[in-house]
C-alpha atoms as a PDB file:
ATOM      1  CA  MET A   1     261.902 -18.050 -93.576  1.00  0.00           C
ATOM      2  CA  GLU A   2     262.871 -16.655 -90.232  1.00  0.00           C
ATOM      3  CA  MET A   3     264.099 -18.907 -87.452  1.00  0.00           C
ATOM      4  CA  GLU A   4     264.474 -18.523 -83.696  1.00  0.00           C
ATOM      5  CA  TYR A   5     266.841 -20.866 -81.896  1.00  0.00           C
ATOM      6  CA  HIS A   6     266.296 -22.225 -78.389  1.00  0.00           C
ATOM      7  CA  THR A   7     268.454 -24.461 -76.213  1.00  0.00           C
ATOM      8  CA  TYR A   8     266.740 -27.292 -74.315  1.00  0.00           C
ATOM      9  CA  GLY A   9     268.792 -29.778 -72.361  1.00  0.00           C
ATOM     10  CA  GLY A  10     271.938 -28.767 -74.220  1.00  0.00           C
ATOM     11  CA  MET A  11     270.337 -29.285 -77.650  1.00  0.00           C
ATOM     12  CA  ILE A  12     269.637 -26.496 -80.132  1.00  0.00           C
ATOM     13  CA  ILE A  13     266.063 -26.465 -81.427  1.00  0.00           C
ATOM     14  CA  ALA A  14     265.033 -24.230 -84.334  1.00  0.00           C
ATOM     15  CA  GLU A  15     261.579 -22.632 -84.250  1.00  0.00           C
ATOM     16  CA  LEU A  16     260.076 -21.633 -87.574  1.00  0.00           C
ATOM     17  CA  ILE A  17     258.710 -18.068 -87.574  1.00  0.00           C
ATOM     18  CA  CYS A  18     256.808 -17.286 -90.763  1.00  0.00           C
ATOM     19  CA  PRO A  19     253.352 -16.425 -92.101  1.00  0.00           C
ATOM     20  CA  ALA A  20     250.667 -19.079 -92.314  1.00  0.00           C
ATOM     21  CA  HIS A  21     251.164 -21.797 -94.949  1.00  0.00           C
ATOM     22  CA  CYS A  22     254.834 -20.964 -95.570  1.00  0.00           C
ATOM     23  CA  ILE A  23     255.608 -24.691 -95.954  1.00  0.00           C
ATOM     24  CA  ARG A  24     254.196 -25.762 -99.306  1.00  0.00           C
ATOM     25  CA  ASP A  25     255.923 -28.995-100.253  1.00  0.00           C
ATOM     26  CA  THR A  26     258.645 -31.519 -99.522  1.00  0.00           C
ATOM     27  CA  GLN A  27     261.385 -29.302-100.941  1.00  0.00           C
ATOM     28  CA  ASP A  28     260.526 -26.568 -98.411  1.00  0.00           C
ATOM     29  CA  ILE A  29     261.010 -29.067 -95.559  1.00  0.00           C
ATOM     30  CA  LEU A  30     264.296 -30.349 -96.999  1.00  0.00           C
ATOM     31  CA  ASP A  31     265.603 -26.789 -97.423  1.00  0.00           C
ATOM     32  CA  LEU A  32     264.591 -25.961 -93.861  1.00  0.00           C
ATOM     33  CA  MET A  33     266.310 -29.068 -92.463  1.00  0.00           C
ATOM     34  CA  ALA A  34     269.512 -28.322 -94.371  1.00  0.00           C
ATOM     35  CA  THR A  35     269.543 -24.680 -93.277  1.00  0.00           C
ATOM     36  CA  VAL A  36     269.103 -25.289 -89.536  1.00  0.00           C
ATOM     37  CA  SER A  37     271.555 -28.184 -89.556  1.00  0.00           C
ATOM     38  CA  TYR A  38     274.250 -26.327 -91.477  1.00  0.00           C
ATOM     39  CA  CYS A  39     273.862 -22.872 -89.916  1.00  0.00           C
ATOM     40  CA  ARG A  40     273.332 -23.777 -86.257  1.00  0.00           C
ATOM     41  CA  ASP A  41     273.712 -27.555 -85.972  1.00  0.00           C
ATOM     42  CA  ALA A  42     270.148 -27.762 -84.633  1.00  0.00           C
ATOM     43  CA  ALA A  43     268.904 -31.116 -83.349  1.00  0.00           C
ATOM     44  CA  GLY A  44     265.254 -30.428 -84.194  1.00  0.00           C
ATOM     45  CA  ILE A  45     262.725 -28.043 -85.692  1.00  0.00           C
ATOM     46  CA  MET A  46     259.461 -26.759 -84.220  1.00  0.00           C
ATOM     47  CA  ILE A  47     256.831 -26.207 -86.911  1.00  0.00           C
ATOM     48  CA  LYS A  48     253.399 -25.024 -85.840  1.00  0.00           C
ATOM     49  CA  GLY A  49     250.183 -26.186 -87.505  1.00  0.00           C
ATOM     50  CA  PRO A  50     249.375 -22.878 -89.235  1.00  0.00           C
ATOM     51  CA  HIS A  51     252.709 -23.030 -91.099  1.00  0.00           C
ATOM     52  CA  LEU A  52     251.669 -26.226 -92.879  1.00  0.00           C
ATOM     53  CA  PRO A  53     249.411 -26.442 -95.924  1.00  0.00           C
ATOM     54  CA  GLU A  54     245.796 -27.476 -95.321  1.00  0.00           C
ATOM     55  CA  ASP A  55     246.380 -30.667 -97.341  1.00  0.00           C
ATOM     56  CA  PHE A  56     248.799 -31.796 -94.615  1.00  0.00           C
ATOM     57  CA  PHE A  57     245.857 -32.428 -92.281  1.00  0.00           C
ATOM     58  CA  ASP A  58     243.882 -34.415 -94.893  1.00  0.00           C
ATOM     59  CA  LEU A  59     245.538 -37.821 -94.580  1.00  0.00           C
ATOM     60  CA  HIS A  60     244.105 -38.975 -97.924  1.00  0.00           C
ATOM     61  CA  THR A  61     246.508 -36.641 -99.766  1.00  0.00           C
ATOM     62  CA  GLY A  62     249.612 -38.412 -98.425  1.00  0.00           C
ATOM     63  CA  LEU A  63     251.307 -35.059 -97.822  1.00  0.00           C
ATOM     64  CA  ALA A  64     251.754 -35.628 -94.060  1.00  0.00           C
ATOM     65  CA  GLY A  65     253.639 -38.873 -94.659  1.00  0.00           C
ATOM     66  CA  GLU A  66     255.718 -37.308 -97.401  1.00  0.00           C
ATOM     67  CA  LEU A  67     256.718 -34.296 -95.303  1.00  0.00           C
ATOM     68  CA  LEU A  68     257.392 -36.252 -92.125  1.00  0.00           C
END
């Protein structure tokens, strides 16, 4: 996964740049969090809707709660 880093108010924010549905499960989110924290000490991550699986938006699946 490719990342772009931005600075807002002195904080580093990572922006995920990848094809649609590149986040598939909880492990992908954990890997992403570890990478941006370790590599650039980012305070947050921007993930756009198209990067998430379609099940994320169906609250009955529980995936949104699990990933967040």
